[in-house]
Amino acid sequence: MPLTGPIELRDYDPSWPERYAEQAARLREALGERIIRVEHVGSTSVPGLAAKPIIDIALEVPDSTDEPAYVSNLEAAGYVLRFREPEWFEHRFFRTPDGTVHVHVFSAGCPETDRMVRFRDWLRTDDADRELYLRTKRELAGRDWKCSSTPTPRPEWSTRSWPGPWRTESVSTQPSVGLTP
């Protein structure tokens, strides 16, 4: 069912890091040594930041295009493969059936994982940018949105376009399944 209407933001919940830790353990149990890196990313990983109540996880495996090496294990652990973005770092997107956990799978050494972690760390340490980001999120969350399964350009307000020392020149602006106002 498509999303329409405003996006729900909740005040920071101190249980979010624990929920991430539970999911990281679940992923490690499912994939073992095939996990190269697992990181809590997204707004729920930034203490004090309001967020959609969804735990975002960046997961690196040796090769995200080698789906037989990990997809069935993730599915057996309760994650559902929702889409592939081969043009954007060979990204694979999984989520829990209830939609409360999103797992972004990339290949080992992917610059997008580094970018996500740098952005998280920047927001954790820079009060002014964290407040600016929160104001922007609240303004955008109040808009009516339509979710499309049709690829759309990543919006200009996405974190990929925010200036800051966490940025890299390898940022892609390739189309993605996304939200449009």
N, C-alpha and C. Protein backbone atom coordinates (compact mmCIF):
# COMPACT_ATOMS: atom_id res chain seq x y z
N MET A 1 0.84 -1.17 0.00
CA MET A 1 0.00 0.00 0.00
C MET A 1 0.89 1.24 0.00
N PRO A 2 0.64 2.18 -0.90
CA PRO A 2 1.48 3.37 -0.97
C PRO A 2 1.29 4.29 0.22
N LEU A 3 2.36 4.99 0.54
CA LEU A 3 2.33 5.99 1.59
C LEU A 3 1.75 7.27 1.03
N THR A 4 0.78 7.82 1.71
CA THR A 4 0.26 9.13 1.36
C THR A 4 0.08 9.90 2.65
N GLY A 5 0.33 11.19 2.61
CA GLY A 5 0.16 12.01 3.78
C GLY A 5 1.46 12.32 4.46
N PRO A 6 1.38 12.94 5.64
CA PRO A 6 2.58 13.31 6.38
C PRO A 6 3.35 12.09 6.90
N ILE A 7 4.62 12.30 7.16
CA ILE A 7 5.47 11.25 7.71
C ILE A 7 5.57 11.46 9.22
N GLU A 8 5.42 10.38 9.98
CA GLU A 8 5.46 10.47 11.44
C GLU A 8 6.90 10.55 11.95
N LEU A 9 7.19 11.59 12.71
CA LEU A 9 8.46 11.70 13.42
C LEU A 9 8.17 11.56 14.91
N ARG A 10 9.02 10.82 15.59
CA ARG A 10 8.89 10.69 17.03
C ARG A 10 10.12 11.26 17.70
N ASP A 11 9.93 11.76 18.92
CA ASP A 11 11.07 12.20 19.70
C ASP A 11 12.03 11.04 19.88
N TYR A 12 13.30 11.37 20.10
CA TYR A 12 14.31 10.34 20.27
C TYR A 12 13.88 9.34 21.34
N ASP A 13 14.07 8.07 21.03
CA ASP A 13 13.72 6.98 21.95
C ASP A 13 15.02 6.31 22.39
N PRO A 14 15.35 6.36 23.68
CA PRO A 14 16.60 5.76 24.14
C PRO A 14 16.69 4.25 23.92
N SER A 15 15.59 3.61 23.53
CA SER A 15 15.64 2.17 23.24
C SER A 15 16.15 1.87 21.83
N TRP A 16 16.27 2.90 20.98
CA TRP A 16 16.70 2.65 19.60
C TRP A 16 18.07 1.99 19.51
N PRO A 17 19.09 2.40 20.26
CA PRO A 17 20.37 1.69 20.17
C PRO A 17 20.26 0.21 20.57
N GLU A 18 19.43 -0.08 21.55
CA GLU A 18 19.23 -1.48 21.96
C GLU A 18 18.53 -2.27 20.86
N ARG A 19 17.54 -1.64 20.21
CA ARG A 19 16.86 -2.32 19.10
C ARG A 19 17.85 -2.59 17.96
N TYR A 20 18.74 -1.62 17.70
CA TYR A 20 19.77 -1.86 16.68
C TYR A 20 20.65 -3.04 17.09
N ALA A 21 21.10 -3.07 18.34
CA ALA A 21 21.99 -4.13 18.81
C ALA A 21 21.32 -5.50 18.64
N GLU A 22 20.03 -5.58 18.92
CA GLU A 22 19.30 -6.85 18.74
C GLU A 22 19.30 -7.26 17.27
N GLN A 23 19.07 -6.29 16.38
CA GLN A 23 19.06 -6.59 14.95
C GLN A 23 20.45 -6.95 14.44
N ALA A 24 21.47 -6.26 14.93
CA ALA A 24 22.84 -6.57 14.52
C ALA A 24 23.19 -8.00 14.92
N ALA A 25 22.78 -8.40 16.11
CA ALA A 25 23.02 -9.78 16.56
C ALA A 25 22.27 -10.77 15.67
N ARG A 26 21.06 -10.43 15.31
CA ARG A 26 20.25 -11.28 14.42
C ARG A 26 20.94 -11.43 13.07
N LEU A 27 21.47 -10.33 12.55
CA LEU A 27 22.18 -10.37 11.26
C LEU A 27 23.46 -11.21 11.37
N ARG A 28 24.20 -11.02 12.46
CA ARG A 28 25.43 -11.80 12.65
C ARG A 28 25.12 -13.29 12.76
N GLU A 29 24.03 -13.61 13.44
CA GLU A 29 23.64 -15.02 13.54
C GLU A 29 23.27 -15.58 12.17
N ALA A 30 22.62 -14.79 11.35
CA ALA A 30 22.19 -15.25 10.03
C ALA A 30 23.35 -15.38 9.05
N LEU A 31 24.32 -14.46 9.12
CA LEU A 31 25.37 -14.41 8.10
C LEU A 31 26.77 -14.75 8.60
N GLY A 32 26.98 -14.71 9.90
CA GLY A 32 28.29 -15.04 10.44
C GLY A 32 29.42 -14.25 9.83
N GLU A 33 30.45 -14.95 9.39
CA GLU A 33 31.66 -14.30 8.86
C GLU A 33 31.45 -13.63 7.50
N ARG A 34 30.29 -13.81 6.91
CA ARG A 34 30.02 -13.12 5.63
C ARG A 34 29.76 -11.63 5.85
N ILE A 35 29.56 -11.23 7.09
CA ILE A 35 29.40 -9.80 7.38
C ILE A 35 30.77 -9.17 7.46
N ILE A 36 30.97 -8.16 6.65
CA ILE A 36 32.21 -7.40 6.67
C ILE A 36 32.07 -6.22 7.64
N ARG A 37 30.88 -5.61 7.63
CA ARG A 37 30.65 -4.42 8.46
C ARG A 37 29.15 -4.27 8.69
N VAL A 38 28.78 -3.86 9.89
CA VAL A 38 27.39 -3.56 10.20
C VAL A 38 27.37 -2.30 11.06
N GLU A 39 26.55 -1.33 10.67
CA GLU A 39 26.52 -0.02 11.33
C GLU A 39 25.08 0.44 11.52
N HIS A 40 24.82 1.05 12.66
CA HIS A 40 23.54 1.73 12.90
C HIS A 40 23.66 3.11 12.25
N VAL A 41 22.81 3.38 11.28
CA VAL A 41 22.84 4.65 10.56
C VAL A 41 21.44 5.26 10.59
N GLY A 42 21.30 6.41 9.99
CA GLY A 42 20.00 7.05 9.97
C GLY A 42 19.73 7.79 11.26
N SER A 43 18.61 8.45 11.31
CA SER A 43 18.30 9.34 12.43
C SER A 43 18.17 8.64 13.77
N THR A 44 17.74 7.38 13.79
CA THR A 44 17.63 6.69 15.08
C THR A 44 19.00 6.41 15.70
N SER A 45 20.06 6.61 14.94
CA SER A 45 21.42 6.39 15.46
C SER A 45 22.03 7.65 16.06
N VAL A 46 21.28 8.75 16.05
CA VAL A 46 21.79 10.03 16.55
C VAL A 46 21.05 10.39 17.83
N PRO A 47 21.69 10.27 18.99
CA PRO A 47 21.01 10.58 20.26
C PRO A 47 20.42 11.99 20.24
N GLY A 48 19.16 12.07 20.67
CA GLY A 48 18.48 13.35 20.78
C GLY A 48 17.76 13.79 19.52
N LEU A 49 17.92 13.07 18.42
CA LEU A 49 17.31 13.48 17.15
C LEU A 49 15.97 12.78 16.96
N ALA A 50 14.94 13.55 16.66
CA ALA A 50 13.64 12.96 16.32
C ALA A 50 13.80 12.16 15.02
N ALA A 51 12.98 11.13 14.87
CA ALA A 51 13.12 10.27 13.70
C ALA A 51 11.84 9.51 13.42
N LYS A 52 11.74 9.00 12.19
CA LYS A 52 10.74 7.98 11.94
C LYS A 52 11.17 6.79 12.81
N PRO A 53 10.25 6.08 13.41
CA PRO A 53 10.63 4.97 14.30
C PRO A 53 11.07 3.72 13.51
N ILE A 54 12.12 3.91 12.70
CA ILE A 54 12.64 2.83 11.86
C ILE A 54 14.14 2.75 12.10
N ILE A 55 14.62 1.56 12.42
CA ILE A 55 16.06 1.34 12.62
C ILE A 55 16.68 1.09 11.25
N ASP A 56 17.61 1.96 10.85
CA ASP A 56 18.34 1.78 9.59
C ASP A 56 19.69 1.17 9.88
N ILE A 57 20.03 0.15 9.09
CA ILE A 57 21.29 -0.57 9.26
C ILE A 57 22.00 -0.62 7.91
N ALA A 58 23.27 -0.24 7.91
CA ALA A 58 24.12 -0.42 6.73
C ALA A 58 24.90 -1.72 6.97
N LEU A 59 24.79 -2.62 6.02
CA LEU A 59 25.42 -3.93 6.12
C LEU A 59 26.30 -4.15 4.91
N GLU A 60 27.56 -4.44 5.14
CA GLU A 60 28.46 -4.77 4.03
C GLU A 60 28.75 -6.27 4.03
N VAL A 61 28.64 -6.85 2.84
CA VAL A 61 28.99 -8.24 2.60
C VAL A 61 30.10 -8.23 1.55
N PRO A 62 30.77 -9.35 1.32
CA PRO A 62 31.86 -9.31 0.33
C PRO A 62 31.44 -8.77 -1.04
N ASP A 63 30.26 -9.19 -1.53
CA ASP A 63 29.80 -8.75 -2.84
C ASP A 63 28.28 -8.74 -2.83
N SER A 64 27.67 -7.57 -2.84
CA SER A 64 26.21 -7.50 -2.76
C SER A 64 25.52 -8.07 -4.00
N THR A 65 26.24 -8.20 -5.11
CA THR A 65 25.64 -8.79 -6.31
C THR A 65 25.59 -10.32 -6.22
N ASP A 66 26.35 -10.91 -5.30
CA ASP A 66 26.36 -12.36 -5.11
C ASP A 66 25.22 -12.74 -4.16
N GLU A 67 23.99 -12.56 -4.63
CA GLU A 67 22.83 -12.77 -3.78
C GLU A 67 22.70 -14.19 -3.21
N PRO A 68 23.09 -15.23 -3.95
CA PRO A 68 23.00 -16.57 -3.35
C PRO A 68 23.81 -16.71 -2.05
N ALA A 69 24.80 -15.85 -1.87
CA ALA A 69 25.66 -15.94 -0.69
C ALA A 69 25.00 -15.39 0.57
N TYR A 70 23.89 -14.65 0.44
CA TYR A 70 23.32 -14.06 1.66
C TYR A 70 21.80 -13.87 1.66
N VAL A 71 21.15 -13.74 0.52
CA VAL A 71 19.72 -13.40 0.51
C VAL A 71 18.88 -14.43 1.23
N SER A 72 19.06 -15.71 0.94
CA SER A 72 18.21 -16.72 1.58
C SER A 72 18.42 -16.74 3.10
N ASN A 73 19.64 -16.46 3.55
CA ASN A 73 19.90 -16.41 4.99
C ASN A 73 19.17 -15.23 5.64
N LEU A 74 19.18 -14.09 4.97
CA LEU A 74 18.47 -12.93 5.51
C LEU A 74 16.96 -13.18 5.50
N GLU A 75 16.48 -13.80 4.45
CA GLU A 75 15.04 -14.11 4.39
C GLU A 75 14.66 -15.10 5.48
N ALA A 76 15.50 -16.09 5.73
CA ALA A 76 15.22 -17.06 6.80
C ALA A 76 15.24 -16.40 8.18
N ALA A 77 15.99 -15.31 8.31
CA ALA A 77 16.06 -14.57 9.57
C ALA A 77 14.92 -13.56 9.70
N GLY A 78 14.05 -13.50 8.69
CA GLY A 78 12.87 -12.64 8.79
C GLY A 78 12.93 -11.33 8.04
N TYR A 79 13.95 -11.13 7.20
CA TYR A 79 14.05 -9.90 6.42
C TYR A 79 13.51 -10.17 5.01
N VAL A 80 12.87 -9.17 4.43
CA VAL A 80 12.27 -9.30 3.11
C VAL A 80 13.03 -8.40 2.13
N LEU A 81 13.49 -8.99 1.02
CA LEU A 81 14.14 -8.20 -0.03
C LEU A 81 13.06 -7.40 -0.75
N ARG A 82 13.16 -6.08 -0.67
CA ARG A 82 12.14 -5.21 -1.26
C ARG A 82 12.54 -4.68 -2.63
N PHE A 83 13.82 -4.32 -2.82
CA PHE A 83 14.24 -3.87 -4.14
C PHE A 83 15.76 -3.88 -4.25
N ARG A 84 16.20 -3.79 -5.52
CA ARG A 84 17.62 -3.73 -5.86
C ARG A 84 17.87 -2.40 -6.58
N GLU A 85 19.02 -1.80 -6.31
CA GLU A 85 19.43 -0.59 -7.03
C GLU A 85 20.84 -0.83 -7.59
N PRO A 86 20.93 -1.56 -8.70
CA PRO A 86 22.25 -1.87 -9.24
C PRO A 86 23.03 -0.62 -9.67
N GLU A 87 22.31 0.44 -10.03
CA GLU A 87 22.99 1.66 -10.48
C GLU A 87 23.49 2.51 -9.33
N TRP A 88 23.10 2.18 -8.10
CA TRP A 88 23.52 2.95 -6.93
C TRP A 88 24.28 2.03 -5.97
N PHE A 89 25.55 1.88 -6.23
CA PHE A 89 26.45 1.07 -5.40
C PHE A 89 25.98 -0.39 -5.24
N GLU A 90 25.23 -0.90 -6.19
CA GLU A 90 24.71 -2.29 -6.11
C GLU A 90 23.95 -2.52 -4.80
N HIS A 91 23.20 -1.51 -4.39
CA HIS A 91 22.42 -1.52 -3.15
C HIS A 91 21.29 -2.55 -3.21
N ARG A 92 21.12 -3.29 -2.13
CA ARG A 92 19.99 -4.18 -1.93
C ARG A 92 19.28 -3.70 -0.67
N PHE A 93 17.95 -3.63 -0.71
CA PHE A 93 17.18 -3.11 0.41
C PHE A 93 16.27 -4.20 0.97
N PHE A 94 16.45 -4.48 2.25
CA PHE A 94 15.62 -5.43 2.98
C PHE A 94 14.91 -4.68 4.09
N ARG A 95 13.82 -5.25 4.55
CA ARG A 95 13.16 -4.72 5.74
C ARG A 95 12.46 -5.85 6.46
N THR A 96 12.10 -5.58 7.70
CA THR A 96 11.29 -6.55 8.44
C THR A 96 9.86 -6.44 7.90
N PRO A 97 9.07 -7.50 8.06
CA PRO A 97 7.69 -7.45 7.55
C PRO A 97 6.87 -6.28 8.11
N ASP A 98 7.15 -5.88 9.35
CA ASP A 98 6.40 -4.76 9.93
C ASP A 98 6.99 -3.40 9.55
N GLY A 99 8.10 -3.39 8.82
CA GLY A 99 8.69 -2.16 8.33
C GLY A 99 9.46 -1.34 9.36
N THR A 100 9.72 -1.90 10.54
CA THR A 100 10.39 -1.13 11.59
C THR A 100 11.92 -1.21 11.53
N VAL A 101 12.44 -2.06 10.64
CA VAL A 101 13.88 -2.18 10.46
C VAL A 101 14.17 -2.21 8.96
N HIS A 102 15.11 -1.37 8.54
CA HIS A 102 15.56 -1.34 7.15
C HIS A 102 17.03 -1.73 7.11
N VAL A 103 17.37 -2.66 6.23
CA VAL A 103 18.75 -3.11 6.08
C VAL A 103 19.21 -2.76 4.67
N HIS A 104 20.25 -1.94 4.60
CA HIS A 104 20.82 -1.50 3.33
C HIS A 104 22.10 -2.31 3.11
N VAL A 105 22.09 -3.19 2.11
CA VAL A 105 23.22 -4.07 1.86
C VAL A 105 24.07 -3.50 0.73
N PHE A 106 25.37 -3.39 1.02
CA PHE A 106 26.36 -2.91 0.06
C PHE A 106 27.54 -3.88 0.04
N SER A 107 28.36 -3.77 -0.98
CA SER A 107 29.59 -4.57 -1.05
C SER A 107 30.65 -3.98 -0.12
N ALA A 108 31.58 -4.83 0.28
CA ALA A 108 32.67 -4.41 1.16
C ALA A 108 33.38 -3.20 0.60
N GLY A 109 33.66 -2.23 1.48
CA GLY A 109 34.39 -1.04 1.09
C GLY A 109 33.57 0.01 0.35
N CYS A 110 32.26 -0.14 0.36
CA CYS A 110 31.41 0.80 -0.37
C CYS A 110 31.52 2.21 0.22
N PRO A 111 31.76 3.21 -0.61
CA PRO A 111 31.87 4.58 -0.10
C PRO A 111 30.55 5.10 0.49
N GLU A 112 29.41 4.54 0.09
CA GLU A 112 28.14 4.99 0.64
C GLU A 112 28.03 4.63 2.12
N THR A 113 28.54 3.47 2.53
CA THR A 113 28.53 3.13 3.94
C THR A 113 29.36 4.13 4.72
N ASP A 114 30.53 4.46 4.20
CA ASP A 114 31.38 5.46 4.86
C ASP A 114 30.66 6.80 4.96
N ARG A 115 29.96 7.21 3.90
CA ARG A 115 29.24 8.47 3.90
C ARG A 115 28.15 8.47 4.96
N MET A 116 27.40 7.38 5.05
CA MET A 116 26.33 7.28 6.06
C MET A 116 26.91 7.40 7.48
N VAL A 117 28.02 6.73 7.71
CA VAL A 117 28.64 6.77 9.04
C VAL A 117 29.20 8.16 9.34
N ARG A 118 29.84 8.78 8.35
CA ARG A 118 30.34 10.14 8.57
C ARG A 118 29.21 11.12 8.86
N PHE A 119 28.10 10.98 8.14
CA PHE A 119 26.96 11.86 8.38
C PHE A 119 26.40 11.63 9.79
N ARG A 120 26.24 10.38 10.18
CA ARG A 120 25.79 10.06 11.54
C ARG A 120 26.72 10.69 12.57
N ASP A 121 28.01 10.48 12.40
CA ASP A 121 28.98 10.99 13.37
C ASP A 121 28.99 12.52 13.40
N TRP A 122 28.82 13.14 12.23
CA TRP A 122 28.77 14.60 12.17
C TRP A 122 27.57 15.12 12.96
N LEU A 123 26.40 14.51 12.75
CA LEU A 123 25.22 14.96 13.48
C LEU A 123 25.33 14.70 14.98
N ARG A 124 26.05 13.67 15.36
CA ARG A 124 26.26 13.38 16.78
C ARG A 124 27.12 14.45 17.46
N THR A 125 27.96 15.13 16.69
CA THR A 125 28.92 16.06 17.30
C THR A 125 28.67 17.53 16.98
N ASP A 126 27.90 17.85 15.95
CA ASP A 126 27.70 19.24 15.56
C ASP A 126 26.27 19.67 15.89
N ASP A 127 26.12 20.38 17.00
CA ASP A 127 24.79 20.77 17.49
C ASP A 127 24.03 21.63 16.47
N ALA A 128 24.71 22.58 15.85
CA ALA A 128 24.04 23.48 14.92
C ALA A 128 23.51 22.73 13.70
N ASP A 129 24.32 21.86 13.12
CA ASP A 129 23.85 21.10 11.95
C ASP A 129 22.77 20.09 12.34
N ARG A 130 22.89 19.50 13.53
CA ARG A 130 21.86 18.57 13.99
C ARG A 130 20.52 19.31 14.11
N GLU A 131 20.53 20.52 14.66
CA GLU A 131 19.30 21.30 14.79
C GLU A 131 18.76 21.72 13.43
N LEU A 132 19.63 22.12 12.51
CA LEU A 132 19.21 22.47 11.16
C LEU A 132 18.58 21.25 10.48
N TYR A 133 19.22 20.11 10.62
CA TYR A 133 18.70 18.87 10.03
C TYR A 133 17.34 18.54 10.62
N LEU A 134 17.18 18.68 11.93
CA LEU A 134 15.91 18.39 12.59
C LEU A 134 14.83 19.35 12.10
N ARG A 135 15.12 20.63 11.99
CA ARG A 135 14.13 21.59 11.48
C ARG A 135 13.70 21.22 10.06
N THR A 136 14.67 20.87 9.25
CA THR A 136 14.38 20.48 7.86
C THR A 136 13.52 19.23 7.83
N LYS A 137 13.86 18.24 8.66
CA LYS A 137 13.06 17.00 8.73
C LYS A 137 11.63 17.28 9.14
N ARG A 138 11.47 18.12 10.16
CA ARG A 138 10.11 18.43 10.65
C ARG A 138 9.29 19.14 9.57
N GLU A 139 9.92 20.05 8.85
CA GLU A 139 9.21 20.75 7.78
C GLU A 139 8.81 19.78 6.68
N LEU A 140 9.72 18.93 6.29
CA LEU A 140 9.43 17.96 5.24
C LEU A 140 8.43 16.90 5.69
N ALA A 141 8.52 16.48 6.94
CA ALA A 141 7.61 15.45 7.45
C ALA A 141 6.17 15.95 7.47
N GLY A 142 5.98 17.25 7.58
CA GLY A 142 4.63 17.80 7.61
C GLY A 142 3.95 17.89 6.25
N ARG A 143 4.69 17.67 5.20
CA ARG A 143 4.11 17.72 3.85
C ARG A 143 3.33 16.44 3.56
N ASP A 144 2.45 16.51 2.59
CA ASP A 144 1.78 15.31 2.11
C ASP A 144 2.68 14.66 1.07
N TRP A 145 2.91 13.37 1.21
CA TRP A 145 3.82 12.64 0.33
C TRP A 145 3.08 11.53 -0.38
N LYS A 146 3.60 11.17 -1.53
CA LYS A 146 3.11 10.01 -2.27
C LYS A 146 4.30 9.13 -2.53
N CYS A 147 4.20 7.87 -2.18
CA CYS A 147 5.28 6.93 -2.41
C CYS A 147 5.05 6.26 -3.74
N SER A 148 6.08 6.21 -4.53
CA SER A 148 6.00 5.62 -5.84
C SER A 148 6.99 4.47 -5.95
N SER A 149 6.60 3.44 -6.66
CA SER A 149 7.55 2.37 -6.93
C SER A 149 8.31 2.66 -8.22
N THR A 150 8.01 3.79 -8.85
CA THR A 150 8.72 4.21 -10.05
C THR A 150 9.99 4.93 -9.65
N PRO A 151 11.12 4.59 -10.25
CA PRO A 151 12.35 5.30 -9.91
C PRO A 151 12.21 6.80 -10.13
N THR A 152 12.65 7.56 -9.13
CA THR A 152 12.64 9.01 -9.21
C THR A 152 14.00 9.51 -8.78
N PRO A 153 14.42 10.69 -9.26
CA PRO A 153 15.72 11.20 -8.82
C PRO A 153 15.74 11.40 -7.31
N ARG A 154 16.86 11.11 -6.70
CA ARG A 154 17.00 11.36 -5.27
C ARG A 154 16.83 12.86 -5.06
N PRO A 155 15.98 13.25 -4.10
CA PRO A 155 15.67 14.66 -3.95
C PRO A 155 16.84 15.51 -3.51
N GLU A 156 16.80 16.79 -3.89
CA GLU A 156 17.90 17.70 -3.58
C GLU A 156 18.11 17.88 -2.08
N TRP A 157 17.06 17.67 -1.27
CA TRP A 157 17.19 17.87 0.17
C TRP A 157 17.70 16.63 0.89
N SER A 158 17.95 15.57 0.15
CA SER A 158 18.44 14.36 0.80
C SER A 158 19.82 14.62 1.40
N THR A 159 20.24 13.74 2.29
CA THR A 159 21.53 13.93 2.95
C THR A 159 22.68 13.90 1.96
N ARG A 160 22.47 13.39 0.79
CA ARG A 160 23.54 13.36 -0.20
C ARG A 160 23.91 14.76 -0.66
N SER A 161 23.00 15.72 -0.47
CA SER A 161 23.29 17.07 -0.94
C SER A 161 23.69 18.03 0.17
N TRP A 162 23.69 17.59 1.41
CA TRP A 162 24.07 18.47 2.52
C TRP A 162 25.57 18.70 2.49
N PRO A 163 25.99 19.97 2.60
CA PRO A 163 27.43 20.23 2.66
C PRO A 163 27.99 19.76 4.00
N GLY A 164 29.23 19.44 4.03
CA GLY A 164 29.85 19.07 5.30
C GLY A 164 31.07 18.21 5.08
N PRO A 165 31.88 18.06 6.10
CA PRO A 165 33.12 17.30 5.98
C PRO A 165 32.89 15.79 5.83
N TRP A 166 31.70 15.32 6.04
CA TRP A 166 31.39 13.89 5.91
C TRP A 166 31.17 13.51 4.46
N ARG A 167 31.06 14.50 3.55
CA ARG A 167 30.78 14.24 2.14
C ARG A 167 31.98 13.62 1.42
N THR A 168 31.70 12.92 0.33
CA THR A 168 32.76 12.45 -0.56
C THR A 168 32.36 12.83 -1.98
N GLU A 169 33.30 12.84 -2.85
CA GLU A 169 33.01 13.16 -4.24
C GLU A 169 32.36 11.99 -4.98
N SER A 170 32.31 10.81 -4.34
CA SER A 170 31.75 9.64 -5.00
C SER A 170 30.24 9.53 -4.81
N VAL A 171 29.60 10.58 -4.32
CA VAL A 171 28.16 10.53 -4.10
C VAL A 171 27.44 10.40 -5.44
N SER A 172 26.49 9.49 -5.49
CA SER A 172 25.75 9.25 -6.71
C SER A 172 24.40 9.96 -6.66
N THR A 173 23.95 10.46 -7.79
CA THR A 173 22.63 11.05 -7.87
C THR A 173 21.75 10.23 -8.80
N GLN A 174 22.06 8.96 -8.92
CA GLN A 174 21.30 8.10 -9.79
C GLN A 174 19.86 7.95 -9.28
N PRO A 175 18.93 7.61 -10.18
CA PRO A 175 17.53 7.43 -9.78
C PRO A 175 17.38 6.36 -8.71
N SER A 176 16.31 6.50 -7.95
CA SER A 176 16.01 5.56 -6.89
C SER A 176 14.51 5.53 -6.68
N VAL A 177 14.02 4.45 -6.12
CA VAL A 177 12.64 4.42 -5.68
C VAL A 177 12.56 5.44 -4.56
N GLY A 178 11.58 6.32 -4.59
CA GLY A 178 11.59 7.35 -3.57
C GLY A 178 10.28 8.02 -3.32
N LEU A 179 10.33 9.00 -2.46
CA LEU A 179 9.17 9.79 -2.11
C LEU A 179 9.19 11.09 -2.87
N THR A 180 8.02 11.54 -3.24
CA THR A 180 7.92 12.84 -3.89
C THR A 180 6.81 13.63 -3.21
N PRO A 181 7.04 14.95 -3.02
CA PRO A 181 5.98 15.75 -2.40
C PRO A 181 4.87 16.02 -3.40
